[in-house]
Protein backbone atom coordinates (compact mmCIF):
# COMPACT_ATOMS: atom_id res chain seq x y z
CA MET A 1 0.00 0.00 0.00
CA LEU A 2 2.71 2.48 1.05
CA LEU A 3 5.02 1.66 -1.87
CA LYS A 4 2.13 1.68 -4.34
CA THR A 5 0.98 5.11 -3.16
CA PHE A 6 4.36 6.78 -2.69
CA GLY A 7 6.27 4.82 -5.36
CA TRP A 8 6.34 7.64 -7.90
CA SER A 9 7.35 10.15 -5.23
CA PHE A 10 10.26 7.93 -4.15
CA ALA A 11 11.34 7.50 -7.79
CA VAL A 12 11.14 11.23 -8.51
CA THR A 13 13.10 11.96 -5.32
CA VAL A 14 15.94 9.63 -6.30
CA ALA A 15 16.02 10.94 -9.88
CA GLY A 16 15.73 14.58 -8.77
CA LEU A 17 18.50 14.35 -6.17
CA ALA A 18 20.74 12.50 -8.60
CA LEU A 19 20.15 15.20 -11.23
CA ALA A 20 20.86 17.92 -8.67
CA GLY A 21 24.11 16.21 -7.71
CA VAL A 22 25.21 15.93 -11.33
CA LEU A 23 24.30 19.51 -12.28
CA TRP A 24 25.24 21.42 -9.12
CA GLY A 25 27.28 19.05 -6.97
CA TRP A 26 26.84 18.48 -3.25
CA ARG A 27 25.67 22.06 -2.69
CA GLY A 28 22.87 21.70 -5.23
CA LEU A 29 21.86 18.32 -3.84
CA ALA A 30 21.58 19.80 -0.33
CA ILE A 31 19.55 22.79 -1.56
CA VAL A 32 17.10 20.61 -3.48
CA GLY A 33 16.68 18.35 -0.45
CA ILE A 34 16.02 21.30 1.86
CA LEU A 35 13.50 22.81 -0.56
CA SER A 36 11.66 19.48 -0.77
CA ILE A 37 11.32 19.34 3.02
CA LEU A 38 10.24 23.00 3.06
CA GLU A 39 7.48 22.36 0.55
CA ILE A 40 6.17 19.29 2.41
CA SER A 41 6.07 21.11 5.75
CA LEU A 42 4.34 24.16 4.28
CA SER A 43 1.77 22.18 2.26
CA PHE A 44 0.84 19.30 4.58
CA ASP A 45 -2.52 20.93 5.26
CA ASN A 46 -2.97 21.27 1.50
CA ALA A 47 -3.00 17.46 1.22
CA VAL A 48 -5.81 17.20 3.77
CA ILE A 49 -7.91 19.79 1.93
CA ASN A 50 -7.20 18.14 -1.42
CA ALA A 51 -8.24 14.75 -0.06
CA GLY A 52 -11.52 16.16 1.20
CA ILE A 53 -12.38 17.36 -2.30
CA LEU A 54 -10.74 14.57 -4.30
CA ARG A 55 -12.84 11.85 -2.65
CA LYS A 56 -15.95 13.47 -4.17
CA MET A 57 -14.60 13.15 -7.72
CA ASN A 58 -14.99 10.17 -10.00
CA ALA A 59 -12.04 7.95 -10.97
CA PHE A 60 -11.41 9.78 -14.27
CA TRP A 61 -11.05 13.22 -12.71
CA GLN A 62 -9.03 11.84 -9.83
CA LYS A 63 -6.62 10.56 -12.46
CA ILE A 64 -6.59 13.97 -14.18
CA PHE A 65 -5.75 15.67 -10.88
CA LEU A 66 -2.91 13.23 -10.23
CA THR A 67 -1.42 13.50 -13.74
CA ILE A 68 -2.15 16.83 -15.43
CA GLY A 69 -2.57 18.40 -12.00
CA ILE A 70 0.92 17.45 -10.90
CA LEU A 71 2.40 18.86 -14.12
CA ILE A 72 0.62 22.15 -13.44
CA ALA A 73 1.79 22.11 -9.82
CA VAL A 74 5.43 21.29 -10.57
CA PHE A 75 6.14 23.08 -13.84
CA GLY A 76 3.39 25.67 -13.83
CA MET A 77 3.47 27.00 -10.27
CA ARG A 78 7.07 26.21 -9.31
CA LEU A 79 8.84 27.13 -12.57
CA VAL A 80 6.62 29.17 -14.90
CA PHE A 81 4.63 31.17 -12.33
CA PRO A 82 7.58 33.14 -10.84
CA VAL A 83 8.75 34.03 -14.35
CA VAL A 84 5.24 35.19 -15.32
CA ILE A 85 5.05 37.32 -12.16
CA VAL A 86 8.32 39.02 -13.10
CA ALA A 87 7.17 39.56 -16.69
CA VAL A 88 3.87 41.15 -15.60
CA THR A 89 5.11 43.30 -12.72
CA ALA A 90 8.29 44.46 -14.49
CA LYS A 91 6.50 44.80 -17.84
CA LEU A 92 8.96 42.51 -19.59
CA GLY A 93 8.46 40.14 -22.49
CA PRO A 94 8.38 36.41 -21.68
CA ILE A 95 11.74 35.73 -23.35
CA GLU A 96 13.33 38.68 -21.58
CA ALA A 97 11.93 37.47 -18.24
CA VAL A 98 13.33 33.96 -18.79
CA ASN A 99 16.70 35.40 -19.77
CA LEU A 100 16.69 37.52 -16.61
CA ALA A 101 15.87 34.50 -14.44
CA ILE A 102 18.77 32.52 -15.90
CA ASN A 103 21.46 35.18 -16.36
CA ASP A 104 20.69 37.83 -13.72
CA LYS A 105 19.44 35.88 -10.74
CA ALA A 106 19.89 38.70 -8.24
CA GLN A 107 17.69 41.09 -10.23
CA TYR A 108 15.17 38.29 -10.84
CA GLU A 109 14.93 37.62 -7.11
CA HIS A 110 14.51 41.34 -6.46
CA LEU A 111 11.61 41.58 -8.90
CA VAL A 112 9.84 38.52 -7.49
CA THR A 113 10.26 39.87 -3.97
CA ALA A 114 8.88 43.24 -5.09
CA ALA A 115 5.76 41.46 -6.35
CA HIS A 116 5.22 39.79 -2.96
CA PRO A 117 2.52 42.22 -1.69
CA ALA A 118 0.28 41.42 -4.67
CA ILE A 119 0.96 37.67 -4.43
CA ALA A 120 0.39 37.58 -0.67
CA SER A 121 -2.83 39.58 -0.92
CA PHE A 122 -4.31 37.39 -3.67
CA GLY A 123 -3.34 34.11 -2.02
CA GLY A 124 -4.18 35.31 1.47
CA MET A 125 -7.72 36.35 0.54
CA PHE A 126 -8.38 33.13 -1.37
CA LEU A 127 -7.24 30.98 1.56
CA LEU A 128 -9.05 33.17 4.07
CA MET A 129 -12.34 32.59 2.22
CA ILE A 130 -11.80 28.82 2.37
CA PHE A 131 -11.34 29.05 6.13
CA LEU A 132 -14.26 31.42 6.73
CA ASP A 133 -16.72 29.37 4.68
CA PHE A 134 -15.69 26.30 6.67
CA ILE A 135 -15.87 27.89 10.11
CA PHE A 136 -19.22 29.60 9.48
CA GLU A 137 -20.89 26.40 8.25
CA GLU A 138 -23.04 24.20 10.47
CA ARG A 139 -21.24 20.85 10.76
CA GLU A 140 -22.07 17.50 12.30
CA HIS A 141 -18.73 17.29 14.10
CA LYS A 142 -17.30 20.26 15.99
CA TRP A 143 -13.70 20.25 17.19
CA LEU A 144 -13.50 23.50 19.21
CA THR A 145 -17.15 23.54 20.24
CA TRP A 146 -16.87 26.75 22.26
CA LEU A 147 -15.78 28.58 19.10
CA GLU A 148 -17.40 26.70 16.23
CA LYS A 149 -20.92 26.52 17.66
CA PRO A 150 -21.50 30.31 17.95
CA LEU A 151 -19.72 30.95 14.65
CA ALA A 152 -21.97 28.43 12.90
CA LYS A 153 -24.99 30.37 14.19
CA LEU A 154 -23.52 33.62 12.89
CA GLY A 155 -22.88 31.87 9.59
CA ARG A 156 -26.61 31.79 8.89
CA LEU A 157 -25.97 35.20 7.38
CA GLU A 158 -24.84 33.94 3.97
CA THR A 159 -22.66 36.92 3.11
CA LEU A 160 -20.84 36.98 6.45
CA SER A 161 -17.64 35.34 5.16
CA ILE A 162 -17.40 37.92 2.35
CA ILE A 163 -17.99 40.79 4.77
CA VAL A 164 -15.30 39.53 7.17
CA ALA A 165 -12.85 38.96 4.32
CA LEU A 166 -13.37 42.48 2.95
CA VAL A 167 -12.91 43.97 6.44
CA VAL A 168 -9.65 42.03 6.83
CA LEU A 169 -8.52 43.24 3.39
CA LEU A 170 -9.30 46.89 4.23
CA VAL A 171 -7.45 46.64 7.56
CA THR A 172 -4.48 45.06 5.78
CA ALA A 173 -4.41 47.79 3.13
CA MET A 174 -4.56 50.54 5.75
CA THR A 175 -1.93 49.04 8.05
CA VAL A 176 0.79 46.65 6.87
CA ALA A 177 0.43 47.63 3.20
CA THR A 178 1.21 51.30 3.82
CA ASN A 179 4.83 50.46 4.51
CA ALA A 180 5.60 47.18 2.75
CA ALA A 181 8.75 45.16 3.36
CA HIS A 182 12.03 45.58 1.46
CA GLY A 183 11.47 49.32 1.04
CA ALA A 184 8.55 48.78 -1.34
CA GLY A 185 6.71 51.76 0.17
CA ASP A 186 2.94 52.22 0.09
CA LYS A 187 1.31 49.19 -1.58
CA SER A 188 -2.25 49.84 -0.40
CA ALA A 189 -3.73 50.08 -3.88
CA THR A 190 -1.89 46.96 -5.07
CA VAL A 191 -2.98 44.97 -2.02
CA LEU A 192 -6.61 46.08 -2.39
CA LEU A 193 -6.73 45.22 -6.10
CA SER A 194 -5.01 41.84 -5.68
CA GLY A 195 -7.10 40.97 -2.64
CA VAL A 196 -10.35 41.69 -4.49
CA ALA A 197 -9.06 39.57 -7.38
CA GLY A 198 -8.38 36.69 -4.98
CA LEU A 199 -11.85 37.04 -3.46
CA LEU A 200 -13.53 37.12 -6.88
CA THR A 201 -11.53 34.10 -8.03
CA TYR A 202 -12.71 32.13 -5.01
CA LEU A 203 -16.34 33.15 -5.51
CA LEU A 204 -16.25 32.36 -9.22
CA VAL A 205 -14.48 28.99 -9.21
CA GLY A 206 -15.89 27.82 -5.87
CA GLY A 207 -19.37 29.01 -6.74
CA ILE A 208 -19.49 27.27 -10.11
CA SER A 209 -18.07 24.00 -8.75
CA GLY A 210 -20.53 24.12 -5.83
CA TYR A 211 -23.44 24.75 -8.21
CA PHE A 212 -22.68 21.70 -10.34
CA GLU A 213 -21.91 19.59 -7.28
CA ASN A 214 -25.34 20.44 -5.83
CA LYS A 215 -27.04 19.62 -9.12
CA LEU A 216 -25.22 16.29 -9.21
CA GLU A 217 -26.31 15.48 -5.66
CA ASP A 218 -29.91 16.38 -6.53
CA ALA A 219 -29.79 14.08 -9.56
CA GLU A 220 -28.39 11.23 -7.46
CA GLU A 221 -31.12 11.73 -4.83
CA ASP A 222 -33.78 11.61 -7.55
CA ALA A 223 -32.24 8.42 -8.90
CA ASP A 224 -32.32 6.83 -5.44
CA GLU A 225 -36.01 7.60 -4.89
CA GLY A 226 -37.18 4.69 -6.99
CA ALA A 227 -35.94 2.08 -9.41
CA GLU A 228 -38.60 3.08 -11.92
CA THR A 229 -37.50 6.69 -12.32
CA ALA A 230 -33.76 6.02 -12.14
CA PRO A 231 -33.36 4.41 -15.59
CA ALA A 232 -35.25 7.28 -17.19
CA LYS A 233 -32.94 9.84 -15.62
CA LYS A 234 -29.80 7.98 -16.64
CA SER A 235 -30.89 7.18 -20.14
CA GLY A 236 -31.32 9.40 -23.15
CA ASN A 237 -28.79 12.21 -23.22
CA GLY A 238 -26.92 11.04 -20.09
CA ALA A 239 -27.53 14.23 -18.16
CA VAL A 240 -26.35 12.74 -14.87
CA VAL A 241 -23.01 11.77 -16.38
CA GLY A 242 -22.70 15.25 -17.94
CA LEU A 243 -23.36 16.91 -14.61
CA ALA A 244 -20.74 14.74 -12.96
CA GLY A 245 -18.23 15.82 -15.59
CA LYS A 246 -18.99 19.51 -15.14
CA ALA A 247 -18.90 19.28 -11.37
CA ALA A 248 -15.60 17.41 -11.44
CA PHE A 249 -14.11 19.85 -13.97
CA PHE A 250 -14.77 22.88 -11.80
CA MET A 251 -13.65 20.98 -8.71
CA PHE A 252 -10.41 20.33 -10.59
CA LEU A 253 -10.04 24.06 -11.30
CA TYR A 254 -10.83 24.80 -7.66
CA LEU A 255 -8.16 22.35 -6.52
CA GLU A 256 -5.58 23.91 -8.82
CA VAL A 257 -6.30 27.42 -7.54
CA ILE A 258 -6.02 26.12 -3.96
CA ASP A 259 -2.69 24.52 -4.82
CA ALA A 260 -1.53 27.77 -6.40
CA SER A 261 -2.47 29.73 -3.28
CA PHE A 262 -0.57 27.26 -1.10
CA SER A 263 2.48 27.44 -3.33
CA PHE A 264 2.87 31.23 -3.04
CA ASP A 265 4.59 31.16 0.34
CA GLY A 266 6.73 28.20 -0.72
CA VAL A 267 7.99 29.95 -3.86
CA ILE A 268 8.69 33.21 -2.04
CA GLY A 269 10.27 31.40 0.90
CA ALA A 270 12.51 29.41 -1.42
CA PHE A 271 14.41 32.59 -2.32
CA ALA A 272 15.85 32.55 1.19
CA ILE A 273 17.64 29.37 0.15
CA THR A 274 18.38 29.85 -3.57
CA ASN A 275 17.60 32.21 -6.44
CA ASP A 276 18.20 29.58 -9.11
CA ILE A 277 14.81 28.86 -10.72
CA PHE A 278 15.81 25.33 -11.72
CA GLU A 279 17.00 24.35 -8.24
CA MET A 280 13.81 25.89 -6.89
CA ALA A 281 11.52 24.08 -9.34
CA LEU A 282 13.24 20.74 -8.75
CA GLY A 283 13.18 20.96 -4.95
CA LEU A 284 9.63 22.30 -4.65
CA GLY A 285 8.49 19.87 -7.34
CA ILE A 286 9.72 16.86 -5.36
CA GLY A 287 7.84 18.19 -2.34
CA ALA A 288 4.69 18.67 -4.44
CA MET A 289 4.88 15.02 -5.51
CA TYR A 290 4.75 13.90 -1.88
CA ILE A 291 1.75 16.14 -1.23
CA ARG A 292 -0.07 14.48 -4.15
CA SER A 293 0.87 11.00 -2.86
CA LEU A 294 -0.25 11.93 0.64
CA THR A 295 -3.56 13.10 -0.81
CA VAL A 296 -4.07 9.69 -2.44
CA PHE A 297 -3.10 7.94 0.79
CA LEU A 298 -5.67 9.91 2.80
CA VAL A 299 -8.41 9.14 0.26
CA ASN A 300 -7.63 5.42 -0.02
CA ARG A 301 -7.36 4.90 3.72
CA GLY A 302 -10.56 6.84 4.44
CA THR A 303 -8.53 8.84 6.94
CA LEU A 304 -10.82 11.87 6.90
CA ASP A 305 -13.81 9.66 7.71
CA GLU A 306 -11.96 7.90 10.52
CA TYR A 307 -10.35 10.98 12.06
CA VAL A 308 -13.17 13.50 11.84
CA TYR A 309 -11.29 16.51 13.18
CA LEU A 310 -8.46 16.39 10.62
CA GLU A 311 -10.32 18.66 8.21
CA HIS A 312 -10.91 21.09 11.06
CA GLY A 313 -7.20 21.21 11.83
CA ALA A 314 -6.34 21.69 8.17
CA HIS A 315 -8.80 24.56 7.81
CA TYR A 316 -7.49 26.25 10.94
CA ALA A 317 -4.01 25.89 9.44
CA ILE A 318 -5.32 27.52 6.26
CA GLY A 319 -6.73 30.40 8.28
CA ALA A 320 -3.38 30.84 10.03
CA LEU A 321 -1.53 30.72 6.71
CA ALA A 322 -3.88 33.32 5.21
CA VAL A 323 -3.21 35.71 8.10
CA LEU A 324 0.54 35.08 7.96
CA LEU A 325 0.59 35.78 4.21
CA LEU A 326 -1.05 39.15 4.78
CA VAL A 327 1.31 39.95 7.65
CA THR A 328 4.35 39.14 5.47
CA ILE A 329 3.47 42.11 3.26
CA LYS A 330 5.32 44.15 5.89
CA TYR A 331 7.03 41.72 8.26
CA GLU A 332 9.22 38.77 7.41
CA ILE A 333 8.17 35.47 9.01
CA ASN A 334 10.45 32.46 8.97
CA GLU A 335 9.13 29.51 6.97
CA VAL A 336 9.75 27.23 9.95
CA ILE A 337 7.07 29.17 11.85
CA THR A 338 4.64 29.06 8.94
CA GLY A 339 5.04 25.34 8.37
CA GLY A 340 5.25 24.54 12.07
CA ILE A 341 1.90 26.16 12.87
CA GLY A 342 0.18 24.11 10.18
CA VAL A 343 1.74 20.83 11.29
CA LEU A 344 0.94 21.58 14.95
CA LEU A 345 -2.74 22.32 14.27
CA ILE A 346 -3.17 19.17 12.18
CA ALA A 347 -1.37 17.09 14.82
CA LEU A 348 -3.65 18.46 17.54
CA SER A 349 -6.75 17.70 15.46
CA PHE A 350 -5.46 14.18 14.82
CA PHE A 351 -4.93 13.43 18.49
CA SER A 352 -8.34 14.91 19.28
CA SER A 353 -9.84 12.54 16.70
CA VAL A 354 -8.02 9.57 18.24
CA ARG A 355 -9.29 10.51 21.69
CA LYS A 356 -12.84 10.85 20.36
CA ASN A 357 -12.66 7.42 18.72
CA ARG A 358 -11.46 5.85 21.95
CA THR A 359 -14.27 7.34 24.04
CA GLU A 360 -17.16 7.22 21.54
CA GLY A 361 -15.97 4.53 19.12
CA PRO A 362 -14.77 5.05 15.54
CA PRO A 363 -17.30 6.37 13.00
CA SER A 364 -18.75 3.89 10.54
CA ALA A 365 -16.59 3.74 7.43
CA GLY A 366 -18.57 5.28 4.64
CA SER A 367 -15.89 5.08 2.00
CA SER A 368 -14.82 1.46 2.33
CA SER A 369 -16.72 0.47 -0.78
CA LYS A 370 -15.19 3.19 -2.94
CA PRO A 371 -12.64 2.17 -5.56
CA GLU A 372 -9.06 2.80 -4.67
CA VAL A 373 -7.49 5.91 -6.16
CA SER A 374 -4.47 5.18 -8.30
CA SER A 375 -1.39 7.33 -7.77
CA GLY A 376 -0.11 6.66 -11.24
CA VAL A 377 1.50 9.62 -12.94
């Protein structure tokens, strides 16, 4: 089970470290290894969130997420994205931006760092909305009852998460953004614009995926009402299958945007270790492979069903990461702190789940009959 799930990650690790050793020697091998560990520690909560969404998708779209999705995560977000950021913010052509990244690494790092307020605002608002929508929703299981119960009542106001997010964005723009780090000066307008873009992206992608998911659930409920009506709904133009495809497609987009938001701090933090885009892409890419494998492992083992507070811990970690991203617009925060908070919250939620299972008994496994997700890449 372990080798089957993590086999590709082990293979990519061996190949990646060997390539780093050949190209850059022992120094490059050490840098790539450190970056891999950095990415895993920063994105552990990402795997839990991914697993919660991936288990709702059919086998085809799970495969898409684990193949095309990993290519987007490794090459798109860890290699292409920083270059695109430089091209857009510095108003350079794509070829000129690539040339700068390869031949003038110091200037390239400076330009990426200068774009950090916009990146942090966009990613921070997107992640904050994920956390707020989770914490304001009425849930069967409550981890921190004293906090989650009153917040769930407040969440009956449907627009509350948007209101809170906009208030946080305004406070950020009027405080930390007025004197951004690295002598960037007043970035209030940039932070406001990027934050609104992050909020709109969440509402658009999350809203569309939720709409099709709800329609799919309604169709499945209608099909379960009686054997006589079910064949009629599944025959003809195959509407149920079409709805599943649309729902899964927008879930896939939603997952990719989540992964992008999680990768922002990893990419920016990587510059503290190296400004070589290829070392960065290789190290962060190896880490991203383990996050994908961990996602598969959580789905196949039914871990989220067995340990019911894990998703709570992951969402609290997302909330903490969102706040930290916004704070880093002005203040530098060590990646060890960022990753450590996430790991600590998930560990606490895991032990709380174990304690609950011991006192109340484990929940009935609802996913045991589901087909196993393949980790093939």
